[in-house]
Amino acid sequence: MPPIISAQGLSKKYGAAPLFQNISFTVSQGDRIGVIGPNGSGKSTLLEMLMGRVKLDSGDVAIRKGTRLSYVAQISEFAASVTIRMVIENALERAAVHGGERASRFAETLGRAGFGDLEAEAATLSGGWRKRLAIAEALVQAPDILLLDEPSLGLAPIMVREILRIIASLRELGVSILLVEQNARAALETADYGYVLEMGEITHQGPAAALAHDPRVVTTYLGGSA
């Protein structure tokens, strides 16, 4: 089976300066990929390019035919007066899911995310619960791959752990993950394979557990010493 995503030689400029250049990677079924790097290294732009929201300067992205992608942005905002139930129902409608499958997906997704009061207004939720809702909104559409942009951004440590728990639980559903994070520890604890994006280039890559013990990654991103 071909990879879900195959990206070759991706390059993008920010003004006259290269944001990143000649980036290549693949994501296969069931993969959990983490991309770490400093702020401004192009991690978020990489996801936006995969979603077709930012145009490539050069390179090629091949997405397997029939693949369903869902994207969770850095900031999770919802319109006033929209309830949790409405967010999920609207996502199901966009995905054209009806009948018994609709009810099943609704219940399974909300249970996984841990929601109780479905009539609560989404805009009044804390940042962590809005992030949970954004993930649930993406998951209820049954994606083949979930693209996550800095899911730990601005969250308290206890909520970061809960978000990572939800992401880790997706393995049993067969959902592939492409996660970009400035929080390297969170990314490497969640991913199976990782890339380090610095100065517009992939400087390190390998199994996440190996990267978590790489002296340079430890010193630069994990707050330890080699």
N, C-alpha and C. Protein backbone atom coordinates (compact mmCIF):
# COMPACT_ATOMS: atom_id res chain seq x y z
N MET A 1 0.85 -1.20 0.00
CA MET A 1 0.00 0.00 0.00
C MET A 1 0.88 1.25 0.00
N PRO A 2 0.60 2.21 -0.86
CA PRO A 2 1.43 3.43 -0.89
C PRO A 2 1.25 4.24 0.38
N PRO A 3 2.23 5.12 0.69
CA PRO A 3 2.08 6.00 1.86
C PRO A 3 0.84 6.87 1.77
N ILE A 4 0.34 7.28 2.90
CA ILE A 4 -0.78 8.23 2.91
C ILE A 4 -0.31 9.57 2.33
N ILE A 5 0.86 10.01 2.78
CA ILE A 5 1.44 11.26 2.28
C ILE A 5 2.90 11.00 1.91
N SER A 6 3.28 11.47 0.74
CA SER A 6 4.68 11.43 0.33
C SER A 6 5.07 12.83 -0.11
N ALA A 7 5.96 13.45 0.63
CA ALA A 7 6.38 14.82 0.34
C ALA A 7 7.85 14.80 -0.08
N GLN A 8 8.16 15.40 -1.21
CA GLN A 8 9.50 15.36 -1.76
C GLN A 8 9.97 16.77 -2.13
N GLY A 9 11.09 17.17 -1.56
CA GLY A 9 11.76 18.41 -1.95
C GLY A 9 10.95 19.67 -1.72
N LEU A 10 10.20 19.74 -0.62
CA LEU A 10 9.35 20.90 -0.37
C LEU A 10 10.20 22.13 0.00
N SER A 11 9.89 23.24 -0.65
CA SER A 11 10.58 24.49 -0.35
C SER A 11 9.56 25.62 -0.30
N LYS A 12 9.79 26.55 0.62
CA LYS A 12 8.89 27.70 0.77
C LYS A 12 9.68 28.90 1.27
N LYS A 13 9.48 30.04 0.62
CA LYS A 13 10.13 31.26 1.04
C LYS A 13 9.18 32.13 1.84
N TYR A 14 9.74 32.90 2.77
CA TYR A 14 8.99 33.91 3.50
C TYR A 14 9.58 35.24 3.08
N GLY A 15 8.91 35.92 2.15
CA GLY A 15 9.55 37.07 1.53
C GLY A 15 10.68 36.58 0.63
N ALA A 16 11.86 37.16 0.81
CA ALA A 16 13.01 36.73 0.02
C ALA A 16 13.79 35.61 0.69
N ALA A 17 13.53 35.38 1.97
CA ALA A 17 14.30 34.40 2.73
C ALA A 17 13.62 33.04 2.70
N PRO A 18 14.41 31.96 2.60
CA PRO A 18 13.81 30.62 2.64
C PRO A 18 13.28 30.29 4.03
N LEU A 19 12.02 29.85 4.11
CA LEU A 19 11.47 29.39 5.37
C LEU A 19 11.95 27.96 5.62
N PHE A 20 11.83 27.13 4.60
CA PHE A 20 12.48 25.82 4.62
C PHE A 20 12.75 25.40 3.18
N GLN A 21 13.64 24.45 3.03
CA GLN A 21 14.03 24.06 1.68
C GLN A 21 14.38 22.58 1.62
N ASN A 22 13.92 21.96 0.53
CA ASN A 22 14.22 20.57 0.23
C ASN A 22 13.83 19.62 1.37
N ILE A 23 12.60 19.79 1.88
CA ILE A 23 12.09 18.94 2.96
C ILE A 23 11.38 17.74 2.35
N SER A 24 11.74 16.53 2.80
CA SER A 24 11.09 15.31 2.31
C SER A 24 10.73 14.41 3.49
N PHE A 25 9.54 13.80 3.40
CA PHE A 25 9.12 12.86 4.44
C PHE A 25 7.93 12.06 3.91
N THR A 26 7.62 10.98 4.58
CA THR A 26 6.44 10.19 4.25
C THR A 26 5.67 9.86 5.52
N VAL A 27 4.38 9.65 5.36
CA VAL A 27 3.52 9.18 6.44
C VAL A 27 2.74 7.98 5.91
N SER A 28 2.90 6.83 6.56
CA SER A 28 2.20 5.62 6.15
C SER A 28 1.06 5.32 7.12
N GLN A 29 0.22 4.37 6.74
CA GLN A 29 -0.94 4.01 7.56
C GLN A 29 -0.48 3.62 8.97
N GLY A 30 -1.09 4.25 9.97
CA GLY A 30 -0.80 3.94 11.35
C GLY A 30 0.39 4.66 11.94
N ASP A 31 1.13 5.43 11.12
CA ASP A 31 2.29 6.16 11.63
C ASP A 31 1.87 7.26 12.60
N ARG A 32 2.74 7.51 13.56
CA ARG A 32 2.60 8.69 14.43
C ARG A 32 3.91 9.47 14.29
N ILE A 33 3.87 10.55 13.54
CA ILE A 33 5.05 11.34 13.21
C ILE A 33 5.03 12.64 13.99
N GLY A 34 6.15 12.99 14.60
CA GLY A 34 6.30 14.25 15.29
C GLY A 34 7.36 15.11 14.63
N VAL A 35 7.05 16.39 14.43
CA VAL A 35 8.01 17.35 13.88
C VAL A 35 8.26 18.41 14.95
N ILE A 36 9.51 18.52 15.40
CA ILE A 36 9.84 19.49 16.43
C ILE A 36 10.82 20.51 15.86
N GLY A 37 10.95 21.63 16.54
CA GLY A 37 11.86 22.67 16.11
C GLY A 37 11.49 23.97 16.77
N PRO A 38 12.36 24.97 16.68
CA PRO A 38 12.10 26.25 17.32
C PRO A 38 10.96 27.01 16.67
N ASN A 39 10.47 28.01 17.36
CA ASN A 39 9.44 28.89 16.82
C ASN A 39 9.95 29.55 15.55
N GLY A 40 9.12 29.58 14.51
CA GLY A 40 9.50 30.22 13.27
C GLY A 40 10.25 29.33 12.30
N SER A 41 10.33 28.04 12.62
CA SER A 41 11.08 27.12 11.75
C SER A 41 10.24 26.59 10.59
N GLY A 42 8.96 26.93 10.53
CA GLY A 42 8.13 26.51 9.41
C GLY A 42 7.26 25.30 9.68
N LYS A 43 7.17 24.87 10.93
CA LYS A 43 6.41 23.66 11.26
C LYS A 43 4.93 23.82 10.90
N SER A 44 4.34 24.92 11.31
CA SER A 44 2.91 25.13 11.03
C SER A 44 2.66 25.31 9.55
N THR A 45 3.55 26.01 8.87
CA THR A 45 3.42 26.21 7.42
C THR A 45 3.44 24.87 6.69
N LEU A 46 4.23 23.94 7.20
CA LEU A 46 4.29 22.61 6.60
C LEU A 46 2.91 21.95 6.58
N LEU A 47 2.18 22.03 7.68
CA LEU A 47 0.84 21.45 7.73
C LEU A 47 -0.12 22.19 6.81
N GLU A 48 0.00 23.51 6.78
CA GLU A 48 -0.89 24.30 5.92
C GLU A 48 -0.65 23.99 4.44
N MET A 49 0.58 23.67 4.10
CA MET A 49 0.86 23.27 2.72
C MET A 49 0.19 21.94 2.40
N LEU A 50 0.23 21.01 3.35
CA LEU A 50 -0.41 19.71 3.12
C LEU A 50 -1.92 19.87 2.96
N MET A 51 -2.50 20.85 3.64
CA MET A 51 -3.93 21.10 3.54
C MET A 51 -4.29 21.95 2.32
N GLY A 52 -3.28 22.39 1.58
CA GLY A 52 -3.55 23.21 0.40
C GLY A 52 -3.84 24.66 0.71
N ARG A 53 -3.50 25.09 1.91
CA ARG A 53 -3.79 26.47 2.31
C ARG A 53 -2.63 27.41 2.01
N VAL A 54 -1.45 26.85 1.82
CA VAL A 54 -0.26 27.63 1.47
C VAL A 54 0.36 26.98 0.24
N LYS A 55 0.73 27.79 -0.72
CA LYS A 55 1.28 27.28 -1.98
C LYS A 55 2.76 26.97 -1.85
N LEU A 56 3.16 25.84 -2.39
CA LEU A 56 4.57 25.46 -2.46
C LEU A 56 5.32 26.36 -3.42
N ASP A 57 6.58 26.68 -3.10
CA ASP A 57 7.45 27.31 -4.09
C ASP A 57 8.03 26.25 -5.01
N SER A 58 8.35 25.09 -4.43
CA SER A 58 8.82 23.97 -5.24
C SER A 58 8.64 22.69 -4.44
N GLY A 59 8.70 21.58 -5.13
CA GLY A 59 8.51 20.29 -4.48
C GLY A 59 7.18 19.67 -4.87
N ASP A 60 6.91 18.52 -4.29
CA ASP A 60 5.71 17.77 -4.67
C ASP A 60 5.14 17.06 -3.45
N VAL A 61 3.82 17.12 -3.31
CA VAL A 61 3.12 16.38 -2.26
C VAL A 61 2.13 15.44 -2.93
N ALA A 62 2.26 14.16 -2.65
CA ALA A 62 1.32 13.16 -3.16
C ALA A 62 0.52 12.61 -1.99
N ILE A 63 -0.80 12.73 -2.06
CA ILE A 63 -1.69 12.21 -1.03
C ILE A 63 -2.45 11.04 -1.63
N ARG A 64 -2.41 9.91 -0.94
CA ARG A 64 -3.03 8.70 -1.47
C ARG A 64 -4.49 8.93 -1.81
N LYS A 65 -4.90 8.44 -2.96
CA LYS A 65 -6.26 8.63 -3.44
C LYS A 65 -7.28 8.15 -2.40
N GLY A 66 -8.29 8.98 -2.16
CA GLY A 66 -9.35 8.63 -1.23
C GLY A 66 -9.04 8.93 0.22
N THR A 67 -7.85 9.45 0.50
CA THR A 67 -7.45 9.74 1.88
C THR A 67 -8.26 10.90 2.44
N ARG A 68 -8.72 10.73 3.67
CA ARG A 68 -9.43 11.80 4.39
C ARG A 68 -8.46 12.43 5.40
N LEU A 69 -8.26 13.74 5.25
CA LEU A 69 -7.39 14.48 6.17
C LEU A 69 -8.25 15.36 7.06
N SER A 70 -7.89 15.42 8.34
CA SER A 70 -8.49 16.39 9.25
C SER A 70 -7.37 17.19 9.91
N TYR A 71 -7.66 18.46 10.16
CA TYR A 71 -6.63 19.40 10.63
C TYR A 71 -7.14 20.09 11.91
N VAL A 72 -6.26 20.14 12.91
CA VAL A 72 -6.57 20.86 14.15
C VAL A 72 -5.58 22.00 14.28
N ALA A 73 -6.09 23.23 14.23
CA ALA A 73 -5.24 24.41 14.24
C ALA A 73 -4.69 24.69 15.64
N GLN A 74 -3.69 25.58 15.69
CA GLN A 74 -3.09 25.98 16.98
C GLN A 74 -4.14 26.53 17.93
N ILE A 75 -4.94 27.46 17.43
CA ILE A 75 -5.94 28.14 18.26
C ILE A 75 -7.31 27.58 17.92
N SER A 76 -8.01 27.13 18.95
CA SER A 76 -9.34 26.53 18.76
C SER A 76 -10.40 27.54 19.19
N GLU A 77 -11.07 28.13 18.21
CA GLU A 77 -12.11 29.12 18.48
C GLU A 77 -13.44 28.65 17.92
N PHE A 78 -14.52 28.98 18.63
CA PHE A 78 -15.86 28.60 18.19
C PHE A 78 -16.79 29.80 18.32
N ALA A 79 -17.78 29.86 17.47
CA ALA A 79 -18.71 30.98 17.46
C ALA A 79 -19.56 31.00 18.73
N ALA A 80 -19.98 32.19 19.11
CA ALA A 80 -20.83 32.34 20.28
C ALA A 80 -22.14 31.59 20.09
N SER A 81 -22.65 31.03 21.15
CA SER A 81 -23.94 30.34 21.21
C SER A 81 -23.94 28.97 20.54
N VAL A 82 -22.79 28.54 20.01
CA VAL A 82 -22.70 27.20 19.42
C VAL A 82 -22.36 26.21 20.52
N THR A 83 -23.17 25.17 20.67
CA THR A 83 -22.94 24.19 21.72
C THR A 83 -22.01 23.08 21.25
N ILE A 84 -21.52 22.31 22.22
CA ILE A 84 -20.68 21.16 21.91
C ILE A 84 -21.42 20.22 20.95
N ARG A 85 -22.69 19.96 21.26
CA ARG A 85 -23.48 19.09 20.39
C ARG A 85 -23.53 19.62 18.96
N MET A 86 -23.74 20.92 18.81
CA MET A 86 -23.84 21.52 17.48
C MET A 86 -22.54 21.40 16.70
N VAL A 87 -21.40 21.57 17.38
CA VAL A 87 -20.10 21.46 16.72
C VAL A 87 -19.94 20.07 16.11
N ILE A 88 -20.26 19.04 16.90
CA ILE A 88 -20.09 17.66 16.43
C ILE A 88 -21.13 17.31 15.36
N GLU A 89 -22.36 17.74 15.57
CA GLU A 89 -23.40 17.47 14.57
C GLU A 89 -23.06 18.13 13.23
N ASN A 90 -22.55 19.35 13.28
CA ASN A 90 -22.18 20.04 12.04
C ASN A 90 -21.03 19.33 11.33
N ALA A 91 -20.07 18.81 12.11
CA ALA A 91 -18.95 18.07 11.52
C ALA A 91 -19.45 16.80 10.84
N LEU A 92 -20.39 16.12 11.46
CA LEU A 92 -20.97 14.92 10.86
C LEU A 92 -21.72 15.26 9.58
N GLU A 93 -22.39 16.39 9.58
CA GLU A 93 -23.13 16.82 8.39
C GLU A 93 -22.16 17.10 7.24
N ARG A 94 -21.06 17.78 7.55
CA ARG A 94 -20.06 18.07 6.51
C ARG A 94 -19.48 16.79 5.93
N ALA A 95 -19.36 15.77 6.78
CA ALA A 95 -18.81 14.49 6.33
C ALA A 95 -19.87 13.59 5.71
N ALA A 96 -21.11 14.07 5.65
CA ALA A 96 -22.22 13.32 5.05
C ALA A 96 -22.41 11.96 5.72
N VAL A 97 -22.38 11.98 7.06
CA VAL A 97 -22.59 10.75 7.84
C VAL A 97 -24.01 10.77 8.39
N HIS A 98 -24.76 9.69 8.16
CA HIS A 98 -26.15 9.66 8.56
C HIS A 98 -26.50 8.31 9.18
N GLY A 99 -27.71 8.24 9.73
CA GLY A 99 -28.23 6.98 10.26
C GLY A 99 -27.46 6.45 11.45
N GLY A 100 -27.40 5.12 11.52
CA GLY A 100 -26.76 4.47 12.66
C GLY A 100 -25.29 4.80 12.80
N GLU A 101 -24.59 4.96 11.67
CA GLU A 101 -23.17 5.30 11.74
C GLU A 101 -22.98 6.67 12.38
N ARG A 102 -23.89 7.59 12.08
CA ARG A 102 -23.81 8.93 12.68
C ARG A 102 -23.90 8.85 14.19
N ALA A 103 -24.87 8.11 14.70
CA ALA A 103 -25.06 7.97 16.14
C ALA A 103 -23.85 7.30 16.78
N SER A 104 -23.31 6.29 16.11
CA SER A 104 -22.17 5.56 16.64
C SER A 104 -20.94 6.45 16.73
N ARG A 105 -20.67 7.18 15.65
CA ARG A 105 -19.50 8.07 15.66
C ARG A 105 -19.66 9.16 16.70
N PHE A 106 -20.86 9.70 16.81
CA PHE A 106 -21.13 10.76 17.78
C PHE A 106 -20.80 10.29 19.19
N ALA A 107 -21.35 9.15 19.57
CA ALA A 107 -21.17 8.65 20.93
C ALA A 107 -19.72 8.25 21.19
N GLU A 108 -19.09 7.57 20.24
CA GLU A 108 -17.73 7.09 20.44
C GLU A 108 -16.75 8.25 20.55
N THR A 109 -16.91 9.26 19.70
CA THR A 109 -15.99 10.39 19.70
C THR A 109 -16.13 11.23 20.95
N LEU A 110 -17.36 11.53 21.34
CA LEU A 110 -17.56 12.34 22.54
C LEU A 110 -17.10 11.61 23.79
N GLY A 111 -17.29 10.30 23.81
CA GLY A 111 -16.81 9.52 24.94
C GLY A 111 -15.30 9.53 25.02
N ARG A 112 -14.64 9.40 23.89
CA ARG A 112 -13.18 9.42 23.85
C ARG A 112 -12.64 10.77 24.34
N ALA A 113 -13.33 11.85 23.97
CA ALA A 113 -12.87 13.18 24.36
C ALA A 113 -13.26 13.53 25.79
N GLY A 114 -14.20 12.78 26.39
CA GLY A 114 -14.54 12.97 27.79
C GLY A 114 -15.57 14.05 28.07
N PHE A 115 -16.42 14.37 27.10
CA PHE A 115 -17.41 15.41 27.32
C PHE A 115 -18.64 14.86 28.03
N GLY A 116 -19.21 15.72 28.90
CA GLY A 116 -20.43 15.36 29.61
C GLY A 116 -21.60 16.20 29.14
N ASP A 117 -21.59 17.48 29.51
CA ASP A 117 -22.68 18.39 29.16
C ASP A 117 -22.54 18.86 27.72
N LEU A 118 -23.30 18.26 26.83
CA LEU A 118 -23.18 18.58 25.41
C LEU A 118 -23.88 19.87 25.03
N GLU A 119 -24.65 20.44 25.96
CA GLU A 119 -25.34 21.70 25.65
C GLU A 119 -24.54 22.91 26.11
N ALA A 120 -23.35 22.71 26.67
CA ALA A 120 -22.49 23.83 27.05
C ALA A 120 -22.03 24.57 25.80
N GLU A 121 -21.90 25.89 25.91
CA GLU A 121 -21.46 26.69 24.76
C GLU A 121 -19.96 26.50 24.57
N ALA A 122 -19.57 26.18 23.35
CA ALA A 122 -18.17 25.88 23.05
C ALA A 122 -17.25 27.07 23.34
N ALA A 123 -17.74 28.28 23.06
CA ALA A 123 -16.90 29.47 23.24
C ALA A 123 -16.58 29.75 24.70
N THR A 124 -17.37 29.19 25.63
CA THR A 124 -17.14 29.45 27.06
C THR A 124 -16.21 28.41 27.70
N LEU A 125 -15.80 27.40 26.95
CA LEU A 125 -14.93 26.36 27.50
C LEU A 125 -13.52 26.91 27.73
N SER A 126 -12.79 26.28 28.64
CA SER A 126 -11.39 26.62 28.85
C SER A 126 -10.59 26.25 27.60
N GLY A 127 -9.36 26.76 27.52
CA GLY A 127 -8.53 26.47 26.36
C GLY A 127 -8.31 24.98 26.15
N GLY A 128 -8.11 24.26 27.24
CA GLY A 128 -7.89 22.82 27.13
C GLY A 128 -9.11 22.08 26.62
N TRP A 129 -10.29 22.46 27.08
CA TRP A 129 -11.51 21.78 26.63
C TRP A 129 -11.88 22.20 25.21
N ARG A 130 -11.55 23.43 24.82
CA ARG A 130 -11.75 23.82 23.42
C ARG A 130 -10.85 22.99 22.51
N LYS A 131 -9.62 22.72 22.98
CA LYS A 131 -8.73 21.88 22.19
C LYS A 131 -9.29 20.46 22.08
N ARG A 132 -9.83 19.93 23.16
CA ARG A 132 -10.46 18.61 23.10
C ARG A 132 -11.60 18.61 22.08
N LEU A 133 -12.38 19.68 22.09
CA LEU A 133 -13.52 19.75 21.18
C LEU A 133 -13.05 19.85 19.73
N ALA A 134 -11.98 20.60 19.49
CA ALA A 134 -11.45 20.70 18.14
C ALA A 134 -10.96 19.34 17.64
N ILE A 135 -10.34 18.58 18.52
CA ILE A 135 -9.89 17.24 18.15
C ILE A 135 -11.09 16.34 17.89
N ALA A 136 -12.10 16.43 18.75
CA ALA A 136 -13.31 15.63 18.54
C ALA A 136 -13.99 15.99 17.23
N GLU A 137 -14.04 17.27 16.92
CA GLU A 137 -14.65 17.74 15.66
C GLU A 137 -13.93 17.14 14.46
N ALA A 138 -12.60 17.04 14.57
CA ALA A 138 -11.82 16.45 13.47
C ALA A 138 -12.01 14.93 13.41
N LEU A 139 -12.02 14.29 14.57
CA LEU A 139 -12.08 12.82 14.61
C LEU A 139 -13.42 12.27 14.17
N VAL A 140 -14.50 12.99 14.45
CA VAL A 140 -15.82 12.46 14.14
C VAL A 140 -16.02 12.31 12.63
N GLN A 141 -15.15 12.95 11.85
CA GLN A 141 -15.21 12.83 10.40
C GLN A 141 -14.44 11.61 9.89
N ALA A 142 -13.93 10.80 10.85
CA ALA A 142 -13.23 9.54 10.54
C ALA A 142 -12.08 9.74 9.55
N PRO A 143 -11.10 10.58 9.92
CA PRO A 143 -9.98 10.81 9.00
C PRO A 143 -9.04 9.61 8.95
N ASP A 144 -8.32 9.50 7.85
CA ASP A 144 -7.23 8.55 7.76
C ASP A 144 -5.99 9.10 8.46
N ILE A 145 -5.85 10.43 8.41
CA ILE A 145 -4.72 11.07 9.06
C ILE A 145 -5.18 12.37 9.71
N LEU A 146 -4.68 12.60 10.91
CA LEU A 146 -4.99 13.80 11.67
C LEU A 146 -3.74 14.67 11.74
N LEU A 147 -3.86 15.91 11.27
CA LEU A 147 -2.76 16.87 11.32
C LEU A 147 -2.98 17.79 12.50
N LEU A 148 -2.02 17.84 13.41
CA LEU A 148 -2.17 18.60 14.65
C LEU A 148 -1.08 19.67 14.74
N ASP A 149 -1.52 20.92 14.87
CA ASP A 149 -0.60 22.05 14.94
C ASP A 149 -0.49 22.53 16.38
N GLU A 150 0.63 22.20 17.03
CA GLU A 150 0.92 22.64 18.39
C GLU A 150 -0.24 22.37 19.35
N PRO A 151 -0.68 21.13 19.51
CA PRO A 151 -1.84 20.87 20.37
C PRO A 151 -1.62 21.20 21.84
N SER A 152 -0.37 21.32 22.28
CA SER A 152 -0.11 21.63 23.69
C SER A 152 -0.01 23.13 23.96
N LEU A 153 -0.08 23.94 22.91
CA LEU A 153 0.16 25.38 23.04
C LEU A 153 -0.77 26.04 24.06
N GLY A 154 -0.18 26.68 25.05
CA GLY A 154 -0.93 27.46 26.02
C GLY A 154 -1.71 26.68 27.06
N LEU A 155 -1.53 25.36 27.11
CA LEU A 155 -2.30 24.54 28.03
C LEU A 155 -1.52 24.24 29.31
N ALA A 156 -2.26 24.07 30.40
CA ALA A 156 -1.67 23.66 31.65
C ALA A 156 -1.14 22.23 31.53
N PRO A 157 -0.10 21.87 32.28
CA PRO A 157 0.50 20.54 32.17
C PRO A 157 -0.50 19.40 32.29
N ILE A 158 -1.47 19.52 33.19
CA ILE A 158 -2.44 18.44 33.37
C ILE A 158 -3.29 18.27 32.12
N MET A 159 -3.64 19.37 31.45
CA MET A 159 -4.43 19.26 30.23
C MET A 159 -3.58 18.78 29.06
N VAL A 160 -2.30 19.15 29.04
CA VAL A 160 -1.40 18.62 28.01
C VAL A 160 -1.37 17.10 28.09
N ARG A 161 -1.27 16.56 29.30
CA ARG A 161 -1.25 15.10 29.46
C ARG A 161 -2.53 14.48 28.96
N GLU A 162 -3.68 15.12 29.19
CA GLU A 162 -4.95 14.58 28.73
C GLU A 162 -5.06 14.62 27.20
N ILE A 163 -4.60 15.72 26.60
CA ILE A 163 -4.62 15.83 25.15
C ILE A 163 -3.73 14.75 24.53
N LEU A 164 -2.55 14.54 25.11
CA LEU A 164 -1.64 13.52 24.60
C LEU A 164 -2.23 12.12 24.77
N ARG A 165 -2.97 11.93 25.85
CA ARG A 165 -3.62 10.63 26.07
C ARG A 165 -4.64 10.36 24.97
N ILE A 166 -5.43 11.37 24.62
CA ILE A 166 -6.42 11.21 23.56
C ILE A 166 -5.74 10.91 22.24
N ILE A 167 -4.66 11.65 21.95
CA ILE A 167 -3.95 11.42 20.68
C ILE A 167 -3.37 10.01 20.64
N ALA A 168 -2.78 9.58 21.75
CA ALA A 168 -2.19 8.23 21.80
C ALA A 168 -3.25 7.15 21.61
N SER A 169 -4.47 7.41 22.07
CA SER A 169 -5.53 6.41 21.97
C SER A 169 -6.00 6.19 20.54
N LEU A 170 -5.61 7.07 19.63
CA LEU A 170 -6.06 6.96 18.25
C LEU A 170 -5.40 5.80 17.52
N ARG A 171 -4.33 5.26 18.09
CA ARG A 171 -3.67 4.12 17.46
C ARG A 171 -4.65 2.98 17.25
N GLU A 172 -5.52 2.74 18.24
CA GLU A 172 -6.46 1.63 18.14
C GLU A 172 -7.49 1.84 17.03
N LEU A 173 -7.67 3.09 16.59
CA LEU A 173 -8.59 3.38 15.50
C LEU A 173 -7.91 3.32 14.14
N GLY A 174 -6.59 3.18 14.14
CA GLY A 174 -5.85 3.16 12.88
C GLY A 174 -5.64 4.52 12.26
N VAL A 175 -5.85 5.59 13.04
CA VAL A 175 -5.68 6.95 12.52
C VAL A 175 -4.19 7.32 12.56
N SER A 176 -3.66 7.74 11.43
CA SER A 176 -2.28 8.21 11.39
C SER A 176 -2.22 9.63 11.95
N ILE A 177 -1.06 9.99 12.50
CA ILE A 177 -0.88 11.29 13.14
C ILE A 177 0.33 11.98 12.56
N LEU A 178 0.17 13.26 12.20
CA LEU A 178 1.31 14.12 11.91
C LEU A 178 1.18 15.32 12.84
N LEU A 179 2.09 15.41 13.76
CA LEU A 179 2.03 16.37 14.87
C LEU A 179 3.22 17.30 14.79
N VAL A 180 3.00 18.61 14.79
CA VAL A 180 4.11 19.55 14.90
C VAL A 180 4.02 20.22 16.26
N GLU A 181 5.17 20.37 16.91
CA GLU A 181 5.20 20.84 18.29
C GLU A 181 6.48 21.60 18.59
N GLN A 182 6.33 22.71 19.32
CA GLN A 182 7.49 23.36 19.91
C GLN A 182 7.85 22.65 21.22
N ASN A 183 6.85 22.01 21.83
CA ASN A 183 7.05 21.22 23.04
C ASN A 183 7.61 19.86 22.61
N ALA A 184 8.94 19.78 22.55
CA ALA A 184 9.59 18.58 22.02
C ALA A 184 9.30 17.36 22.87
N ARG A 185 9.26 17.54 24.17
CA ARG A 185 9.00 16.39 25.04
C ARG A 185 7.63 15.79 24.75
N ALA A 186 6.62 16.65 24.60
CA ALA A 186 5.27 16.17 24.30
C ALA A 186 5.25 15.43 22.98
N ALA A 187 5.93 15.99 21.96
CA ALA A 187 5.93 15.36 20.64
C ALA A 187 6.61 14.01 20.66
N LEU A 188 7.77 13.93 21.29
CA LEU A 188 8.54 12.69 21.27
C LEU A 188 7.92 11.61 22.15
N GLU A 189 7.14 12.02 23.14
CA GLU A 189 6.42 11.03 23.95
C GLU A 189 5.21 10.46 23.21
N THR A 190 4.70 11.22 22.24
CA THR A 190 3.50 10.82 21.52
C THR A 190 3.82 10.10 20.21
N ALA A 191 4.88 10.53 19.54
CA ALA A 191 5.21 10.02 18.22
C ALA A 191 6.02 8.73 18.29
N ASP A 192 6.00 8.00 17.18
CA ASP A 192 6.88 6.85 17.00
C ASP A 192 8.15 7.25 16.26
N TYR A 193 8.02 8.25 15.38
CA TYR A 193 9.15 8.69 14.56
C TYR A 193 9.15 10.21 14.56
N GLY A 194 10.33 10.80 14.58
CA GLY A 194 10.40 12.24 14.67
C GLY A 194 11.36 12.88 13.69
N TYR A 195 11.09 14.14 13.39
CA TYR A 195 11.96 14.98 12.58
C TYR A 195 12.26 16.25 13.36
N VAL A 196 13.49 16.74 13.26
CA VAL A 196 13.87 18.02 13.84
C VAL A 196 14.06 19.01 12.71
N LEU A 197 13.26 20.07 12.70
CA LEU A 197 13.30 21.09 11.65
C LEU A 197 13.97 22.34 12.20
N GLU A 198 15.15 22.67 11.67
CA GLU A 198 15.92 23.82 12.13
C GLU A 198 16.49 24.57 10.93
N MET A 199 16.43 25.90 10.99
CA MET A 199 17.04 26.73 9.96
C MET A 199 16.63 26.29 8.55
N GLY A 200 15.37 25.85 8.44
CA GLY A 200 14.84 25.49 7.14
C GLY A 200 15.20 24.11 6.64
N GLU A 201 15.84 23.31 7.47
CA GLU A 201 16.25 21.98 7.04
C GLU A 201 15.94 20.95 8.12
N ILE A 202 15.76 19.69 7.69
CA ILE A 202 15.65 18.59 8.65
C ILE A 202 17.06 18.22 9.07
N THR A 203 17.38 18.49 10.33
CA THR A 203 18.74 18.25 10.82
C THR A 203 18.89 16.89 11.49
N HIS A 204 17.81 16.36 12.03
CA HIS A 204 17.82 15.05 12.67
C HIS A 204 16.51 14.34 12.34
N GLN A 205 16.57 13.03 12.27
CA GLN A 205 15.36 12.25 12.16
C GLN A 205 15.64 10.84 12.66
N GLY A 206 14.57 10.17 13.09
CA GLY A 206 14.74 8.81 13.56
C GLY A 206 13.62 8.43 14.50
N PRO A 207 13.68 7.21 15.05
CA PRO A 207 12.68 6.81 16.04
C PRO A 207 12.61 7.83 17.17
N ALA A 208 11.39 8.14 17.62
CA ALA A 208 11.22 9.18 18.64
C ALA A 208 12.01 8.86 19.91
N ALA A 209 12.03 7.58 20.30
CA ALA A 209 12.75 7.20 21.51
C ALA A 209 14.25 7.48 21.37
N ALA A 210 14.80 7.27 20.17
CA ALA A 210 16.21 7.55 19.93
C ALA A 210 16.48 9.06 19.96
N LEU A 211 15.59 9.84 19.34
CA LEU A 211 15.77 11.29 19.36
C LEU A 211 15.70 11.84 20.78
N ALA A 212 14.86 11.24 21.61
CA ALA A 212 14.71 11.70 23.00
C ALA A 212 15.98 11.48 23.81
N HIS A 213 16.90 10.66 23.29
CA HIS A 213 18.17 10.41 23.99
C HIS A 213 19.37 10.93 23.19
N ASP A 214 19.09 11.59 22.06
CA ASP A 214 20.17 12.19 21.28
C ASP A 214 20.72 13.38 22.06
N PRO A 215 22.04 13.43 22.30
CA PRO A 215 22.61 14.50 23.14
C PRO A 215 22.23 15.91 22.68
N ARG A 216 22.25 16.15 21.36
CA ARG A 216 21.95 17.50 20.89
C ARG A 216 20.48 17.84 21.09
N VAL A 217 19.60 16.87 20.84
CA VAL A 217 18.16 17.11 21.05
C VAL A 217 17.89 17.34 22.53
N VAL A 218 18.52 16.53 23.38
CA VAL A 218 18.34 16.68 24.82
C VAL A 218 18.76 18.06 25.27
N THR A 219 19.94 18.49 24.83
CA THR A 219 20.48 19.81 25.25
C THR A 219 19.64 20.95 24.72
N THR A 220 19.22 20.86 23.46
CA THR A 220 18.54 21.99 22.82
C THR A 220 17.06 22.06 23.13
N TYR A 221 16.40 20.91 23.23
CA TYR A 221 14.93 20.89 23.31
C TYR A 221 14.33 20.31 24.57
N LEU A 222 15.09 19.50 25.29
CA LEU A 222 14.51 18.81 26.44
C LEU A 222 15.01 19.35 27.78
N GLY A 223 15.82 20.40 27.73
CA GLY A 223 16.25 21.05 28.96
C GLY A 223 17.21 20.22 29.79
N GLY A 224 17.94 19.32 29.15
CA GLY A 224 18.91 18.51 29.86
C GLY A 224 20.31 18.80 29.39
N SER A 225 21.25 17.98 29.81
CA SER A 225 22.64 18.13 29.38
C SER A 225 23.12 16.82 28.78
N ALA A 226 23.94 16.94 27.76
CA ALA A 226 24.45 15.74 27.07
C ALA A 226 25.47 15.01 27.91
